[in-house]
Amino acid sequence: MKNLNIVFMGTPDFAVASLKSLVENNYNVVGVITAPDRPAGRGQKLKASAVKLYAESVQLPVFQPTNLKSEIFLEDLKALRADLQIIVAFRMLPKVVWAMPKFGTFNLHASLLPEYRGAAPINWAVINGETLTGNTTFFIDEKIDTGNIILQQQIPISEIETAGELHDKLMNQGAQLVLETVDLIESGKVKTTIQPEREPKTAYKLTKENTKINWSIQGQQIYNLVRGLSPYPSAWCFLNDKNKKQKVKILSISFEKKQHNETYGTIIEIDKKVKVFVNGGCIFINKMQLPGKKAMEIKDLLNGFSFDKNAFFD
């Protein structure tokens, strides 16, 4: 058993890998803080976070505060006598929380800080066509993702990689980086680096507005947007077809550079394929989802659906 008492804070699957790695390598996790159960699905039944489900499966104490400054939560946290707190995909902490342990609180962030500070670093690295990203561990301070860097590790991004595929690679790499960071802190060998002062790219929160496809931008940008939002939350647009306008999700595409004089967004259905004319070439739809339907490969979708000759995306 390792010596440090560790409190772990996280919520989604990305965080589970780090917590699991700590547990399986016999680090002393004395408590887990995660988000409250939330309504989900059509029935709006309460659903526990991925971190809670794993923590309970290995009999770790779980806390789900709604207010991180409440006296009850702070007393519970103090009672855990943590030497170190580890944050992976959680939320912004008040100073009274992150400053509590004697060895401080560090965060795992899925980017090479200072680049892509913010809520969706994995998505934006792909959307922006980056070829390199990675993970960073850093000590938390008053601002978001600005603290002194402990460790960084790079990982390449291929031209066809989706955000979901990159997520899994970074999740596993990050879990190992968390262990290395704890070992440095526990051994007293940790050295930190101040983040460079420059205007880095930002990992903005994904919204309805910035996940919508603009069919007039360069085809390569559309391709990067779709793979950067795959499988979740998915790029979307409006399909104008048969005098009806409906919101559809575009989950997988390919791009072919080609000169043409067609209007951007124009759809052509040919040989069980769907081609969309864009700036600089043509997009081929591989997988999409119609309203109220499940996501389908385009060849399967075309078995029961056809596009009008005047159909277009906007």
Protein backbone atom coordinates (compact mmCIF):
# COMPACT_ATOMS: atom_id res chain seq x y z
CA MET A 1 0.00 0.00 0.00
CA LYS A 2 1.35 3.43 -0.96
CA ASN A 3 1.62 5.99 1.84
CA LEU A 4 -0.30 9.06 0.65
CA ASN A 5 -3.99 9.42 1.46
CA ILE A 6 -5.59 10.38 -1.87
CA VAL A 7 -8.98 11.91 -2.59
CA PHE A 8 -10.02 11.47 -6.23
CA MET A 9 -12.48 13.78 -8.01
CA GLY A 10 -14.00 12.97 -11.41
CA THR A 11 -17.18 12.10 -13.23
CA PRO A 12 -17.06 10.54 -16.77
CA ASP A 13 -15.47 7.42 -18.25
CA PHE A 14 -12.29 9.38 -18.98
CA ALA A 15 -11.75 9.71 -15.22
CA VAL A 16 -12.51 6.07 -14.44
CA ALA A 17 -9.31 4.86 -16.10
CA SER A 18 -7.17 7.00 -13.78
CA LEU A 19 -9.09 5.98 -10.66
CA LYS A 20 -8.94 2.32 -11.65
CA SER A 21 -5.20 2.58 -12.23
CA LEU A 22 -4.69 4.06 -8.76
CA VAL A 23 -6.78 1.32 -7.12
CA GLU A 24 -5.18 -1.57 -9.04
CA ASN A 25 -1.70 -0.29 -8.23
CA ASN A 26 -2.49 -0.16 -4.49
CA TYR A 27 -2.56 3.60 -3.99
CA ASN A 28 -4.51 4.59 -0.90
CA VAL A 29 -7.67 6.25 -2.26
CA VAL A 30 -9.62 7.30 0.85
CA GLY A 31 -12.56 8.95 -0.90
CA VAL A 32 -14.12 9.72 -4.28
CA ILE A 33 -15.96 12.93 -5.11
CA THR A 34 -18.24 12.88 -8.15
CA ALA A 35 -21.29 14.62 -9.60
CA PRO A 36 -24.78 13.99 -8.20
CA ASP A 37 -26.94 11.43 -10.00
CA ARG A 38 -28.75 13.07 -12.92
CA PRO A 39 -31.93 12.29 -14.89
CA ALA A 40 -31.16 10.59 -18.19
CA GLY A 41 -32.96 8.87 -21.05
CA ARG A 42 -36.59 9.00 -22.05
CA GLY A 43 -37.77 7.98 -18.60
CA GLN A 44 -35.54 10.60 -16.95
CA LYS A 45 -34.49 8.08 -14.34
CA LEU A 46 -31.59 9.09 -12.12
CA LYS A 47 -28.27 7.85 -13.47
CA ALA A 48 -25.03 7.58 -11.53
CA SER A 49 -21.77 8.84 -12.99
CA ALA A 50 -19.26 6.36 -14.41
CA VAL A 51 -16.87 7.23 -11.59
CA LYS A 52 -19.50 6.52 -8.93
CA LEU A 53 -20.35 3.15 -10.45
CA TYR A 54 -16.69 2.09 -10.48
CA ALA A 55 -15.96 3.49 -7.00
CA GLU A 56 -18.87 1.61 -5.48
CA SER A 57 -17.81 -1.59 -7.26
CA VAL A 58 -14.49 -1.48 -5.34
CA GLN A 59 -16.06 -0.29 -2.05
CA LEU A 60 -14.63 3.22 -2.04
CA PRO A 61 -16.47 5.95 -0.08
CA VAL A 62 -18.37 8.20 -2.51
CA PHE A 63 -19.44 11.81 -1.97
CA GLN A 64 -21.74 13.73 -4.33
CA PRO A 65 -21.92 17.34 -3.18
CA THR A 66 -24.13 19.84 -4.99
CA ASN A 67 -22.26 22.72 -3.35
CA LEU A 68 -18.49 22.41 -2.97
CA LYS A 69 -18.46 25.24 -0.41
CA SER A 70 -21.09 23.79 1.92
CA GLU A 71 -19.97 23.30 5.51
CA ILE A 72 -21.20 19.70 5.54
CA PHE A 73 -19.15 18.76 2.47
CA LEU A 74 -16.05 20.59 3.71
CA GLU A 75 -16.25 18.78 7.05
CA ASP A 76 -16.61 15.44 5.25
CA LEU A 77 -13.61 16.29 3.08
CA LYS A 78 -11.45 17.29 6.07
CA ALA A 79 -12.36 14.06 7.81
CA LEU A 80 -10.76 12.08 4.96
CA ARG A 81 -7.36 13.58 5.93
CA ALA A 82 -6.16 13.65 2.34
CA ASP A 83 -2.49 14.32 1.68
CA LEU A 84 -3.20 14.83 -2.02
CA GLN A 85 -6.22 15.41 -4.25
CA ILE A 86 -6.40 14.33 -7.90
CA ILE A 87 -8.85 15.86 -10.35
CA VAL A 88 -9.77 14.25 -13.68
CA ALA A 89 -12.68 15.71 -15.69
CA PHE A 90 -14.57 17.20 -12.75
CA ARG A 91 -15.43 20.86 -12.22
CA MET A 92 -13.81 24.08 -11.05
CA LEU A 93 -12.93 23.89 -7.35
CA PRO A 94 -13.05 26.67 -4.77
CA LYS A 95 -9.71 27.46 -3.12
CA VAL A 96 -10.94 26.13 0.22
CA VAL A 97 -11.10 22.69 -1.46
CA TRP A 98 -7.99 22.60 -3.67
CA ALA A 99 -5.74 24.14 -1.04
CA MET A 100 -6.77 21.71 1.70
CA PRO A 101 -4.22 18.84 1.32
CA LYS A 102 -0.61 19.43 2.36
CA PHE A 103 0.67 18.25 -1.04
CA GLY A 104 -1.96 20.23 -2.91
CA THR A 105 -4.30 19.23 -5.72
CA PHE A 106 -3.31 18.30 -9.26
CA ASN A 107 -5.38 17.96 -12.39
CA LEU A 108 -5.06 15.76 -15.47
CA HIS A 109 -5.97 17.70 -18.62
CA ALA A 110 -6.18 16.14 -22.07
CA SER A 111 -4.07 18.67 -23.97
CA LEU A 112 -0.54 20.03 -24.07
CA LEU A 113 -1.15 23.07 -21.90
CA PRO A 114 -1.32 26.00 -22.32
CA GLU A 115 -2.99 24.93 -25.59
CA TYR A 116 -6.66 23.98 -25.39
CA ARG A 117 -7.53 25.10 -21.91
CA GLY A 118 -11.23 24.56 -21.35
CA ALA A 119 -14.07 22.07 -21.52
CA ALA A 120 -13.48 20.11 -24.75
CA PRO A 121 -9.75 19.81 -25.52
CA ILE A 122 -9.98 16.47 -27.32
CA ASN A 123 -12.73 17.63 -29.69
CA TRP A 124 -11.10 20.93 -30.58
CA ALA A 125 -7.70 19.38 -31.28
CA VAL A 126 -9.35 17.21 -33.94
CA ILE A 127 -11.67 19.96 -35.22
CA ASN A 128 -8.70 22.26 -35.73
CA GLY A 129 -6.78 19.61 -37.65
CA GLU A 130 -3.96 19.22 -35.11
CA THR A 131 -1.49 16.40 -35.68
CA LEU A 132 -0.21 16.33 -32.09
CA THR A 133 -1.79 16.56 -28.65
CA GLY A 134 -1.25 14.87 -25.28
CA ASN A 135 -1.89 14.99 -21.56
CA THR A 136 -0.73 17.40 -18.88
CA THR A 137 -0.72 17.13 -15.10
CA PHE A 138 -0.53 20.43 -13.24
CA PHE A 139 -1.16 21.88 -9.79
CA ILE A 140 -4.48 23.72 -9.56
CA ASP A 141 -4.55 27.46 -8.88
CA GLU A 142 -7.23 30.16 -8.90
CA LYS A 143 -7.79 30.14 -12.68
CA ILE A 144 -8.87 27.43 -15.11
CA ASP A 145 -6.08 25.15 -16.42
CA THR A 146 -3.33 27.70 -15.71
CA GLY A 147 -1.35 26.10 -12.86
CA ASN A 148 2.27 24.99 -12.88
CA ILE A 149 2.92 21.97 -15.10
CA ILE A 150 4.20 18.76 -13.50
CA LEU A 151 4.34 16.33 -16.45
CA GLN A 152 3.39 16.31 -20.12
CA GLN A 153 3.27 13.49 -22.63
CA GLN A 154 2.57 13.80 -26.34
CA ILE A 155 0.42 11.65 -28.60
CA PRO A 156 -0.02 11.92 -32.40
CA ILE A 157 -3.37 12.48 -34.09
CA SER A 158 -3.88 10.75 -37.44
CA GLU A 159 -5.70 12.38 -40.35
CA ILE A 160 -8.63 9.98 -40.02
CA GLU A 161 -8.88 9.72 -36.24
CA THR A 162 -12.15 10.62 -34.54
CA ALA A 163 -12.50 12.39 -31.22
CA GLY A 164 -13.82 9.15 -29.73
CA GLU A 165 -10.75 7.19 -30.81
CA LEU A 166 -8.42 9.91 -29.55
CA HIS A 167 -10.37 10.07 -26.27
CA ASP A 168 -9.62 6.42 -25.53
CA LYS A 169 -5.91 6.77 -26.32
CA LEU A 170 -5.60 9.87 -24.13
CA MET A 171 -7.63 8.24 -21.36
CA ASN A 172 -5.21 5.32 -21.12
CA GLN A 173 -2.11 7.47 -21.48
CA GLY A 174 -3.46 9.88 -18.86
CA ALA A 175 -4.03 7.12 -16.32
CA GLN A 176 -0.34 6.23 -16.48
CA LEU A 177 0.66 9.90 -16.25
CA VAL A 178 -1.40 10.23 -13.06
CA LEU A 179 0.56 7.39 -11.44
CA GLU A 180 3.88 8.92 -12.47
CA THR A 181 2.79 12.28 -11.06
CA VAL A 182 1.77 10.78 -7.70
CA ASP A 183 5.10 8.96 -7.46
CA LEU A 184 7.02 12.20 -8.07
CA ILE A 185 5.03 14.03 -5.40
CA GLU A 186 5.35 11.22 -2.87
CA SER A 187 9.11 10.89 -3.41
CA GLY A 188 9.67 14.64 -3.09
CA LYS A 189 11.18 14.76 -6.59
CA VAL A 190 8.44 16.78 -8.26
CA LYS A 191 9.56 19.78 -10.28
CA THR A 192 7.13 22.14 -11.96
CA THR A 193 7.21 24.47 -14.94
CA ILE A 194 5.30 27.74 -15.25
CA GLN A 195 2.98 27.76 -18.24
CA PRO A 196 4.17 30.02 -21.08
CA GLU A 197 2.42 33.37 -21.30
CA ARG A 198 0.90 33.49 -24.78
CA GLU A 199 -2.50 33.40 -26.42
CA PRO A 200 -3.17 29.65 -26.75
CA LYS A 201 -5.98 27.97 -28.66
CA THR A 202 -9.07 27.51 -26.51
CA ALA A 203 -11.18 24.39 -26.00
CA TYR A 204 -14.56 26.09 -25.92
CA LYS A 205 -17.60 24.33 -24.52
CA LEU A 206 -19.43 22.52 -27.32
CA THR A 207 -22.73 24.21 -28.13
CA LYS A 208 -25.57 23.99 -30.64
CA GLU A 209 -23.96 26.84 -32.55
CA ASN A 210 -20.37 25.57 -32.85
CA THR A 211 -21.34 21.98 -33.71
CA LYS A 212 -23.47 22.99 -36.73
CA ILE A 213 -21.94 22.34 -40.15
CA ASN A 214 -21.41 25.38 -42.35
CA TRP A 215 -21.44 23.90 -45.85
CA SER A 216 -19.68 26.90 -47.37
CA ILE A 217 -16.38 26.49 -45.51
CA GLN A 218 -13.51 24.42 -46.90
CA GLY A 219 -14.29 20.72 -47.28
CA GLN A 220 -11.30 19.72 -45.15
CA GLN A 221 -12.65 21.87 -42.31
CA ILE A 222 -16.03 20.15 -42.55
CA TYR A 223 -14.30 16.76 -42.51
CA ASN A 224 -12.34 17.73 -39.38
CA LEU A 225 -15.48 19.08 -37.68
CA VAL A 226 -17.41 15.84 -38.24
CA ARG A 227 -14.62 13.57 -36.97
CA GLY A 228 -13.95 15.98 -34.09
CA LEU A 229 -17.56 15.58 -32.93
CA SER A 230 -17.78 11.83 -33.50
CA PRO A 231 -19.33 9.90 -31.84
CA TYR A 232 -20.56 12.59 -29.45
CA PRO A 233 -22.17 15.09 -29.55
CA SER A 234 -22.15 14.75 -33.38
CA ALA A 235 -22.10 17.45 -36.05
CA TRP A 236 -25.50 18.49 -37.32
CA CYS A 237 -27.22 20.56 -40.00
CA PHE A 238 -30.59 21.07 -41.67
CA LEU A 239 -31.73 18.84 -44.51
CA ASN A 240 -34.07 20.54 -46.96
CA ASP A 241 -35.80 17.76 -48.86
CA LYS A 242 -39.27 17.25 -50.36
CA ASN A 243 -40.45 20.68 -49.12
CA LYS A 244 -39.50 19.78 -45.55
CA LYS A 245 -36.68 21.09 -43.36
CA GLN A 246 -35.41 18.80 -40.61
CA LYS A 247 -32.40 18.61 -38.33
CA VAL A 248 -30.07 15.69 -39.04
CA LYS A 249 -26.83 14.43 -37.52
CA ILE A 250 -23.81 13.73 -39.72
CA LEU A 251 -21.63 11.13 -38.04
CA SER A 252 -19.07 10.05 -40.64
CA ILE A 253 -17.93 11.49 -43.96
CA SER A 254 -15.06 11.42 -46.43
CA PHE A 255 -13.74 14.35 -48.46
CA GLU A 256 -12.54 14.44 -52.05
CA LYS A 257 -10.83 17.52 -53.50
CA LYS A 258 -12.41 18.44 -56.81
CA GLN A 259 -13.27 21.52 -58.85
CA HIS A 260 -16.97 22.15 -59.52
CA ASN A 261 -19.48 24.92 -60.11
CA GLU A 262 -22.30 23.57 -57.95
CA THR A 263 -23.93 25.44 -55.07
CA TYR A 264 -22.42 24.50 -51.71
CA GLY A 265 -24.65 22.06 -49.84
CA THR A 266 -26.23 20.59 -52.99
CA ILE A 267 -26.94 16.85 -52.58
CA ILE A 268 -26.64 14.22 -55.31
CA GLU A 269 -27.65 10.58 -54.71
CA ILE A 270 -25.84 8.26 -57.10
CA ASP A 271 -24.93 4.54 -57.01
CA LYS A 272 -26.07 4.14 -53.38
CA LYS A 273 -23.84 7.05 -52.38
CA VAL A 274 -24.66 10.56 -51.20
CA LYS A 275 -22.42 13.34 -52.47
CA VAL A 276 -22.52 16.91 -51.15
CA PHE A 277 -20.79 19.74 -53.02
CA VAL A 278 -18.66 21.95 -50.78
CA ASN A 279 -15.92 24.53 -51.03
CA GLY A 280 -12.95 22.80 -52.64
CA GLY A 281 -14.56 19.47 -53.47
CA CYS A 282 -17.18 16.91 -52.49
CA ILE A 283 -18.20 15.37 -49.19
CA PHE A 284 -19.46 11.77 -49.22
CA ILE A 285 -21.82 10.93 -46.36
CA ASN A 286 -20.89 7.61 -44.75
CA LYS A 287 -23.21 7.66 -41.73
CA MET A 288 -26.05 9.93 -40.68
CA GLN A 289 -29.11 10.06 -38.44
CA LEU A 290 -32.57 11.29 -39.39
CA PRO A 291 -34.90 12.75 -36.70
CA GLY A 292 -36.40 10.05 -34.50
CA LYS A 293 -34.34 7.34 -36.19
CA LYS A 294 -31.17 5.50 -35.24
CA ALA A 295 -27.83 6.36 -36.82
CA MET A 296 -27.35 4.39 -40.05
CA GLU A 297 -24.69 3.67 -42.61
CA ILE A 298 -25.68 5.52 -45.77
CA LYS A 299 -26.15 2.35 -47.85
CA ASP A 300 -28.61 1.05 -45.26
CA LEU A 301 -30.42 4.36 -44.97
CA LEU A 302 -30.90 4.49 -48.75
CA ASN A 303 -32.72 1.15 -48.66
CA GLY A 304 -35.76 2.96 -47.28
CA PHE A 305 -35.08 6.62 -48.00
CA SER A 306 -34.30 8.67 -51.09
CA PHE A 307 -33.20 12.27 -51.57
CA ASP A 308 -35.14 14.57 -53.88
CA LYS A 309 -33.23 15.94 -56.87
CA ASN A 310 -33.48 19.43 -55.33
CA ALA A 311 -32.37 18.39 -51.83
CA PHE A 312 -29.68 20.38 -50.07
CA PHE A 313 -28.05 20.81 -46.67
CA ASP A 314 -27.79 24.13 -44.83
